[in-house]
């Protein structure tokens, strides 16, 4: 893809309307609530279960704040 085509595609996909802003704000609020509930669930676990997961209690905040790896299992099959 050329630079001009990429720039055109990015500006077309960027939504600067009120609905775009509301959508982004809703996604951020959802992610914040999900991160808070994940942290609470991990904090409630005993240390031996956290050790089974491969994390320590001091790493809970870091592990739940990573944005590169998805934390949901919607796309995973059992």
N, C-alpha and C. Protein backbone atom coordinates (compact mmCIF):
# COMPACT_ATOMS: atom_id res chain seq x y z
N UNK A 1 0.85 -1.17 0.00
CA UNK A 1 0.00 0.00 0.00
C UNK A 1 0.90 1.23 0.00
N UNK A 2 0.60 2.16 -0.85
CA UNK A 2 1.41 3.37 -0.93
C UNK A 2 1.11 4.28 0.25
N UNK A 3 2.01 5.22 0.46
CA UNK A 3 1.83 6.15 1.57
C UNK A 3 0.56 6.98 1.40
N UNK A 4 0.28 7.41 0.18
CA UNK A 4 -0.92 8.21 -0.08
C UNK A 4 -2.18 7.38 0.19
N UNK A 5 -2.19 6.14 -0.25
CA UNK A 5 -3.36 5.30 -0.03
C UNK A 5 -3.54 5.01 1.45
N UNK A 6 -2.44 4.78 2.16
CA UNK A 6 -2.52 4.51 3.59
C UNK A 6 -3.05 5.73 4.34
N UNK A 7 -2.55 6.92 3.98
CA UNK A 7 -3.00 8.15 4.62
C UNK A 7 -4.48 8.38 4.36
N UNK A 8 -4.92 8.14 3.13
CA UNK A 8 -6.33 8.31 2.79
C UNK A 8 -7.19 7.33 3.58
N UNK A 9 -6.72 6.09 3.69
CA UNK A 9 -7.48 5.08 4.42
C UNK A 9 -7.55 5.42 5.91
N UNK A 10 -6.44 5.89 6.50
CA UNK A 10 -6.43 6.23 7.91
C UNK A 10 -7.34 7.41 8.22
N UNK A 11 -7.33 8.43 7.35
CA UNK A 11 -8.18 9.59 7.61
C UNK A 11 -9.64 9.25 7.39
N UNK A 12 -9.91 8.34 6.49
CA UNK A 12 -11.29 7.93 6.27
C UNK A 12 -11.81 7.11 7.44
N UNK A 13 -10.92 6.27 8.02
CA UNK A 13 -11.37 5.42 9.12
C UNK A 13 -11.41 6.17 10.45
N UNK A 14 -10.69 7.29 10.57
CA UNK A 14 -10.73 8.07 11.81
C UNK A 14 -12.07 8.78 11.88
N UNK A 15 -12.80 8.52 12.94
CA UNK A 15 -14.14 9.08 13.09
C UNK A 15 -14.08 10.21 14.11
N UNK A 16 -14.27 11.43 13.64
CA UNK A 16 -14.19 12.60 14.51
C UNK A 16 -15.57 13.11 14.90
N UNK A 17 -16.58 12.31 14.68
CA UNK A 17 -17.93 12.75 15.01
C UNK A 17 -18.22 12.49 16.49
N UNK A 18 -19.36 12.95 16.93
CA UNK A 18 -19.78 12.75 18.31
C UNK A 18 -19.97 11.27 18.60
N UNK A 19 -20.52 10.53 17.63
CA UNK A 19 -20.72 9.09 17.83
C UNK A 19 -19.40 8.36 17.96
N UNK A 20 -18.39 8.78 17.19
CA UNK A 20 -17.07 8.18 17.31
C UNK A 20 -16.47 8.43 18.68
N UNK A 21 -16.63 9.64 19.18
CA UNK A 21 -16.12 9.98 20.51
C UNK A 21 -16.82 9.17 21.59
N UNK A 22 -18.13 9.05 21.48
CA UNK A 22 -18.90 8.29 22.47
C UNK A 22 -18.50 6.81 22.42
N UNK A 23 -18.29 6.29 21.24
CA UNK A 23 -17.88 4.89 21.10
C UNK A 23 -16.52 4.64 21.73
N UNK A 24 -15.57 5.54 21.48
CA UNK A 24 -14.23 5.39 22.08
C UNK A 24 -14.30 5.52 23.59
N UNK A 25 -15.09 6.45 24.09
CA UNK A 25 -15.24 6.62 25.53
C UNK A 25 -15.88 5.39 26.16
N UNK A 26 -16.86 4.80 25.50
CA UNK A 26 -17.51 3.60 26.02
C UNK A 26 -16.53 2.43 26.05
N UNK A 27 -15.71 2.28 25.00
CA UNK A 27 -14.72 1.21 24.98
C UNK A 27 -13.69 1.39 26.09
N UNK A 28 -13.24 2.62 26.30
CA UNK A 28 -12.28 2.88 27.38
C UNK A 28 -12.89 2.59 28.74
N UNK A 29 -14.13 2.97 28.95
CA UNK A 29 -14.80 2.70 30.22
C UNK A 29 -14.96 1.19 30.43
N UNK A 30 -15.31 0.47 29.37
CA UNK A 30 -15.46 -0.98 29.47
C UNK A 30 -14.13 -1.64 29.82
N UNK A 31 -13.05 -1.21 29.15
CA UNK A 31 -11.73 -1.78 29.43
C UNK A 31 -11.29 -1.48 30.86
N UNK A 32 -11.59 -0.29 31.36
CA UNK A 32 -11.22 0.07 32.73
C UNK A 32 -11.98 -0.78 33.73
N UNK A 33 -13.27 -0.99 33.49
CA UNK A 33 -14.07 -1.82 34.40
C UNK A 33 -13.60 -3.27 34.36
N UNK A 34 -13.25 -3.76 33.18
CA UNK A 34 -12.78 -5.13 33.04
C UNK A 34 -11.44 -5.30 33.74
N UNK A 35 -10.54 -4.34 33.58
CA UNK A 35 -9.24 -4.40 34.24
C UNK A 35 -9.41 -4.39 35.76
N UNK A 36 -10.32 -3.57 36.25
CA UNK A 36 -10.57 -3.50 37.69
C UNK A 36 -11.12 -4.83 38.21
N UNK A 37 -12.02 -5.46 37.47
CA UNK A 37 -12.58 -6.73 37.93
C UNK A 37 -11.55 -7.85 37.85
N UNK A 38 -10.68 -7.83 36.83
CA UNK A 38 -9.61 -8.83 36.74
C UNK A 38 -8.65 -8.68 37.92
N UNK A 39 -8.30 -7.45 38.26
CA UNK A 39 -7.41 -7.22 39.40
C UNK A 39 -8.05 -7.70 40.70
N UNK A 40 -9.33 -7.42 40.87
CA UNK A 40 -10.01 -7.85 42.09
C UNK A 40 -10.07 -9.37 42.18
N UNK A 41 -10.30 -10.03 41.06
CA UNK A 41 -10.36 -11.49 41.06
C UNK A 41 -9.00 -12.09 41.40
N UNK A 42 -7.94 -11.52 40.84
CA UNK A 42 -6.60 -12.02 41.13
C UNK A 42 -6.20 -11.72 42.57
N UNK A 43 -6.56 -10.55 43.08
CA UNK A 43 -6.24 -10.21 44.47
C UNK A 43 -6.96 -11.14 45.45
N UNK A 44 -8.12 -11.65 45.07
CA UNK A 44 -8.88 -12.53 45.95
C UNK A 44 -8.33 -13.96 45.97
N UNK A 45 -7.47 -14.29 45.00
CA UNK A 45 -6.90 -15.65 44.94
C UNK A 45 -5.83 -15.83 46.01
N UNK A 46 -5.74 -17.05 46.54
CA UNK A 46 -4.64 -17.33 47.46
C UNK A 46 -3.31 -17.40 46.70
N UNK A 47 -2.22 -17.28 47.44
CA UNK A 47 -0.90 -17.21 46.82
C UNK A 47 -0.54 -18.48 46.03
N UNK A 48 -0.98 -19.64 46.49
CA UNK A 48 -0.61 -20.86 45.77
C UNK A 48 -1.28 -20.93 44.39
N UNK A 49 -2.48 -20.36 44.25
CA UNK A 49 -3.11 -20.32 42.93
C UNK A 49 -2.43 -19.32 42.01
N UNK A 50 -2.02 -18.18 42.58
CA UNK A 50 -1.27 -17.21 41.77
C UNK A 50 0.05 -17.82 41.30
N UNK A 51 0.68 -18.61 42.16
CA UNK A 51 1.93 -19.26 41.78
C UNK A 51 1.68 -20.25 40.65
N UNK A 52 0.55 -20.96 40.67
CA UNK A 52 0.19 -21.87 39.58
C UNK A 52 0.01 -21.11 38.26
N UNK A 53 -0.47 -19.87 38.34
CA UNK A 53 -0.63 -19.05 37.14
C UNK A 53 0.69 -18.46 36.66
N UNK A 54 1.69 -18.50 37.54
CA UNK A 54 3.01 -17.99 37.16
C UNK A 54 3.22 -16.53 37.49
N UNK A 55 2.42 -15.98 38.38
CA UNK A 55 2.60 -14.59 38.78
C UNK A 55 2.63 -14.49 40.29
N UNK A 56 3.22 -13.43 40.78
CA UNK A 56 3.21 -13.17 42.21
C UNK A 56 2.21 -12.04 42.48
N UNK A 57 1.89 -11.85 43.74
CA UNK A 57 0.92 -10.82 44.10
C UNK A 57 1.38 -9.43 43.67
N UNK A 58 2.70 -9.21 43.69
CA UNK A 58 3.21 -7.89 43.30
C UNK A 58 3.13 -7.65 41.79
N UNK A 59 2.91 -8.69 41.00
CA UNK A 59 2.83 -8.56 39.54
C UNK A 59 1.40 -8.42 39.02
N UNK A 60 0.41 -8.45 39.88
CA UNK A 60 -0.99 -8.43 39.44
C UNK A 60 -1.30 -7.17 38.65
N UNK A 61 -0.91 -6.02 39.17
CA UNK A 61 -1.21 -4.76 38.47
C UNK A 61 -0.55 -4.72 37.09
N UNK A 62 0.68 -5.18 37.01
CA UNK A 62 1.38 -5.18 35.72
C UNK A 62 0.71 -6.14 34.74
N UNK A 63 0.40 -7.33 35.20
CA UNK A 63 -0.18 -8.35 34.31
C UNK A 63 -1.56 -7.95 33.79
N UNK A 64 -2.31 -7.21 34.57
CA UNK A 64 -3.64 -6.81 34.11
C UNK A 64 -3.61 -5.52 33.31
N UNK A 65 -2.48 -4.82 33.28
CA UNK A 65 -2.43 -3.57 32.53
C UNK A 65 -1.76 -3.73 31.17
N UNK A 66 -1.32 -4.92 30.81
CA UNK A 66 -0.70 -5.15 29.51
C UNK A 66 -1.76 -5.01 28.44
N UNK A 67 -1.51 -4.16 27.47
CA UNK A 67 -2.49 -3.92 26.41
C UNK A 67 -2.19 -4.69 25.14
N UNK A 68 -1.02 -5.29 25.05
CA UNK A 68 -0.65 -6.01 23.83
C UNK A 68 -1.35 -7.35 23.73
N UNK A 69 -1.47 -8.05 24.84
CA UNK A 69 -2.11 -9.36 24.83
C UNK A 69 -3.56 -9.23 25.25
N UNK A 70 -4.49 -9.79 24.47
CA UNK A 70 -5.91 -9.72 24.87
C UNK A 70 -6.14 -10.56 26.11
N UNK A 71 -6.97 -10.06 27.00
CA UNK A 71 -7.23 -10.76 28.25
C UNK A 71 -8.54 -11.54 28.20
N UNK A 72 -9.31 -11.35 27.14
CA UNK A 72 -10.58 -12.07 27.07
C UNK A 72 -10.39 -13.37 26.31
N UNK A 73 -11.27 -14.31 26.52
CA UNK A 73 -11.18 -15.62 25.88
C UNK A 73 -12.32 -15.84 24.91
N UNK A 74 -12.86 -14.78 24.34
CA UNK A 74 -14.00 -14.92 23.43
C UNK A 74 -13.64 -15.73 22.19
N UNK A 75 -12.44 -15.57 21.69
CA UNK A 75 -12.05 -16.25 20.45
C UNK A 75 -11.47 -17.63 20.67
N UNK A 76 -11.37 -18.06 21.91
CA UNK A 76 -10.76 -19.35 22.18
C UNK A 76 -11.83 -20.43 22.28
N UNK A 77 -11.53 -21.59 21.74
CA UNK A 77 -12.48 -22.70 21.83
C UNK A 77 -12.04 -23.64 22.93
N UNK A 78 -12.98 -24.32 23.53
CA UNK A 78 -12.69 -25.25 24.63
C UNK A 78 -12.37 -26.63 24.12
